[in-house]
N, C-alpha and C. Protein backbone atom coordinates (compact mmCIF):
# COMPACT_ATOMS: atom_id res chain seq x y z
N MET A 1 -17.13 -9.49 18.51
CA MET A 1 -16.08 -9.09 17.74
C MET A 1 -15.29 -7.70 18.62
N THR A 2 -14.12 -7.91 18.34
CA THR A 2 -12.88 -6.96 18.82
C THR A 2 -13.01 -5.79 18.59
N THR A 3 -12.74 -4.96 19.28
CA THR A 3 -12.21 -3.45 18.98
C THR A 3 -11.08 -3.41 18.75
N ARG A 4 -10.48 -3.12 17.67
CA ARG A 4 -9.33 -2.06 17.46
C ARG A 4 -8.69 -1.35 18.09
N SER A 5 -7.39 -1.91 18.98
CA SER A 5 -6.66 -0.52 19.49
C SER A 5 -6.17 0.87 18.59
N ARG A 6 -5.61 1.39 18.82
CA ARG A 6 -5.50 2.45 18.21
C ARG A 6 -4.00 2.68 17.72
N PRO A 7 -2.81 1.53 17.91
CA PRO A 7 -1.39 1.59 17.03
C PRO A 7 -2.53 0.45 15.78
N ASP A 8 -3.19 -0.71 15.75
CA ASP A 8 -4.17 -1.28 14.75
C ASP A 8 -4.52 -0.59 13.93
N ARG A 9 -5.19 0.26 14.17
CA ARG A 9 -5.87 0.95 13.19
C ARG A 9 -4.76 2.07 12.46
N GLY A 10 -4.27 2.61 12.85
CA GLY A 10 -2.78 3.08 12.50
C GLY A 10 -2.27 2.30 11.15
N ILE A 11 -1.70 1.43 12.28
CA ILE A 11 -1.56 0.29 10.81
C ILE A 11 -2.33 -0.39 9.65
N ARG A 12 -3.70 -0.26 9.75
CA ARG A 12 -4.49 -1.08 9.10
C ARG A 12 -4.51 0.46 7.98
N ARG A 13 -4.26 1.99 8.27
CA ARG A 13 -4.51 3.27 7.67
C ARG A 13 -3.16 3.42 6.72
N THR A 14 -2.39 2.76 7.03
CA THR A 14 -1.36 3.00 6.37
C THR A 14 -1.10 1.78 5.52
N VAL A 15 -1.32 0.71 5.67
CA VAL A 15 -1.55 -0.34 4.44
C VAL A 15 -2.49 -0.22 3.56
N VAL A 16 -3.65 0.51 3.87
CA VAL A 16 -4.73 0.93 2.81
C VAL A 16 -4.26 2.18 1.84
N ALA A 17 -3.96 3.08 2.59
CA ALA A 17 -2.62 3.95 2.39
C ALA A 17 -1.62 3.45 0.99
N LEU A 18 -0.81 2.84 1.40
CA LEU A 18 0.41 2.55 0.52
C LEU A 18 0.04 1.95 -0.59
N GLY A 19 -1.43 1.22 -0.60
CA GLY A 19 -1.92 0.05 -1.53
C GLY A 19 -2.45 1.28 -2.11
N ALA A 20 -3.28 2.19 -1.94
CA ALA A 20 -4.18 2.87 -2.56
C ALA A 20 -3.23 3.59 -3.47
N ALA A 21 -2.31 4.37 -3.00
CA ALA A 21 -1.22 4.75 -3.75
C ALA A 21 -0.26 4.03 -4.14
N GLY A 22 -0.38 2.92 -4.47
CA GLY A 22 0.47 2.17 -4.86
C GLY A 22 -0.50 2.14 -6.24
N LEU A 23 -1.87 1.68 -5.96
CA LEU A 23 -2.21 1.42 -7.23
C LEU A 23 -2.80 2.66 -8.64
N THR A 24 -2.49 4.06 -7.51
CA THR A 24 -2.81 4.85 -8.72
C THR A 24 -1.57 5.34 -9.08
N VAL A 25 -0.57 5.39 -8.83
CA VAL A 25 0.55 5.16 -9.64
C VAL A 25 1.08 4.03 -10.82
N ILE A 26 0.78 3.00 -10.32
CA ILE A 26 0.74 2.08 -11.29
C ILE A 26 -0.46 2.73 -12.06
N THR A 27 -1.60 3.13 -11.85
CA THR A 27 -1.86 3.06 -13.08
C THR A 27 -1.82 4.93 -13.84
N ALA A 28 -1.63 5.66 -12.78
CA ALA A 28 -1.06 6.77 -14.40
C ALA A 28 0.50 6.01 -15.06
N GLY A 29 1.09 5.12 -14.31
CA GLY A 29 2.51 4.93 -15.09
C GLY A 29 2.20 4.22 -16.20
N ALA A 30 1.02 3.57 -16.65
CA ALA A 30 0.21 2.63 -17.45
C ALA A 30 -0.01 3.53 -18.51
N VAL A 31 -0.91 4.40 -18.05
CA VAL A 31 -1.75 5.11 -19.01
C VAL A 31 -0.20 6.31 -19.93
N LEU A 32 0.52 6.57 -18.85
CA LEU A 32 1.51 7.63 -19.33
C LEU A 32 2.57 6.49 -20.08
N ASP A 33 2.56 5.55 -20.06
CA ASP A 33 3.74 4.66 -20.62
C ASP A 33 5.30 5.02 -20.22
N ALA A 34 5.00 4.80 -18.55
CA ALA A 34 6.17 5.44 -17.76
C ALA A 34 6.72 4.12 -16.89
N LEU A 35 8.06 3.49 -17.43
CA LEU A 35 7.95 2.12 -16.69
C LEU A 35 8.09 2.95 -15.01
N TRP A 36 8.72 3.91 -15.27
CA TRP A 36 9.47 4.34 -13.40
C TRP A 36 8.63 4.43 -12.95
N LEU A 37 7.16 4.69 -13.21
CA LEU A 37 6.01 5.07 -12.65
C LEU A 37 5.38 4.00 -12.03
N LEU A 38 5.74 3.01 -12.92
CA LEU A 38 5.39 1.44 -12.51
C LEU A 38 6.00 0.73 -11.55
N GLY A 39 6.89 0.59 -11.45
CA GLY A 39 7.96 0.14 -10.78
C GLY A 39 8.09 0.77 -9.49
N ILE A 40 7.73 2.48 -9.12
CA ILE A 40 7.57 3.34 -8.26
C ILE A 40 6.27 2.18 -7.56
N GLY A 41 5.28 2.23 -8.03
CA GLY A 41 3.80 1.49 -7.97
C GLY A 41 3.82 0.16 -7.30
N VAL A 42 4.76 -0.55 -7.69
CA VAL A 42 4.91 -1.63 -7.67
C VAL A 42 5.52 -1.97 -6.21
N TRP A 43 6.40 -1.00 -6.05
CA TRP A 43 6.99 -0.81 -4.52
C TRP A 43 6.58 -0.62 -3.74
N GLY A 44 5.13 0.45 -4.00
CA GLY A 44 4.72 0.88 -2.63
C GLY A 44 3.97 -0.29 -2.31
N LEU A 45 2.66 -1.41 -3.66
CA LEU A 45 2.09 -1.76 -3.27
C LEU A 45 2.87 -3.22 -2.32
N ILE A 46 4.66 -3.53 -2.60
CA ILE A 46 5.36 -4.60 -1.85
C ILE A 46 5.24 -4.08 -0.58
N ALA A 47 5.58 -2.50 -0.12
CA ALA A 47 6.05 -2.45 1.00
C ALA A 47 4.12 -2.41 2.21
N ALA A 48 3.35 -2.23 1.38
CA ALA A 48 1.64 -2.57 2.16
C ALA A 48 1.99 -3.94 2.12
N MET A 49 2.19 -4.78 1.39
CA MET A 49 1.75 -6.55 1.52
C MET A 49 2.98 -6.84 3.03
N LEU A 50 4.11 -5.92 3.09
CA LEU A 50 5.33 -6.72 3.21
C LEU A 50 4.53 -6.47 5.10
N ILE A 51 4.26 -4.81 5.32
CA ILE A 51 3.66 -4.24 6.57
C ILE A 51 2.51 -4.97 7.44
N GLU A 52 1.35 -5.28 5.89
CA GLU A 52 0.39 -6.17 6.66
C GLU A 52 1.15 -7.82 6.79
N LEU A 53 2.01 -8.36 6.31
CA LEU A 53 2.22 -9.87 6.46
C LEU A 53 3.27 -9.88 7.96
N VAL A 54 4.17 -8.79 8.29
CA VAL A 54 4.97 -8.30 9.53
C VAL A 54 4.21 -8.35 10.55
N TYR A 55 2.98 -7.41 10.74
CA TYR A 55 2.40 -6.97 11.51
C TYR A 55 0.86 -7.54 11.70
N ARG A 56 0.76 -8.59 12.46
CA ARG A 56 -0.32 -9.11 12.14
C ARG A 56 -0.18 -8.98 13.90
N PRO A 57 -1.35 -8.49 14.10
CA PRO A 57 -1.90 -7.92 15.45
C PRO A 57 -2.61 -9.18 16.38
């Protein structure tokens, strides 16, 4: 198993943080019935997926 370099860990941490924040905001938007929160959460997940797809170490 190879060890990840420092930038790889930083990107992974960013992707996980964006994904977790997106899911949290989506949940809050669903509970509060606020479409703008749902939209922000979905864009957060889309950003996390795009970063993961573009940055392949």
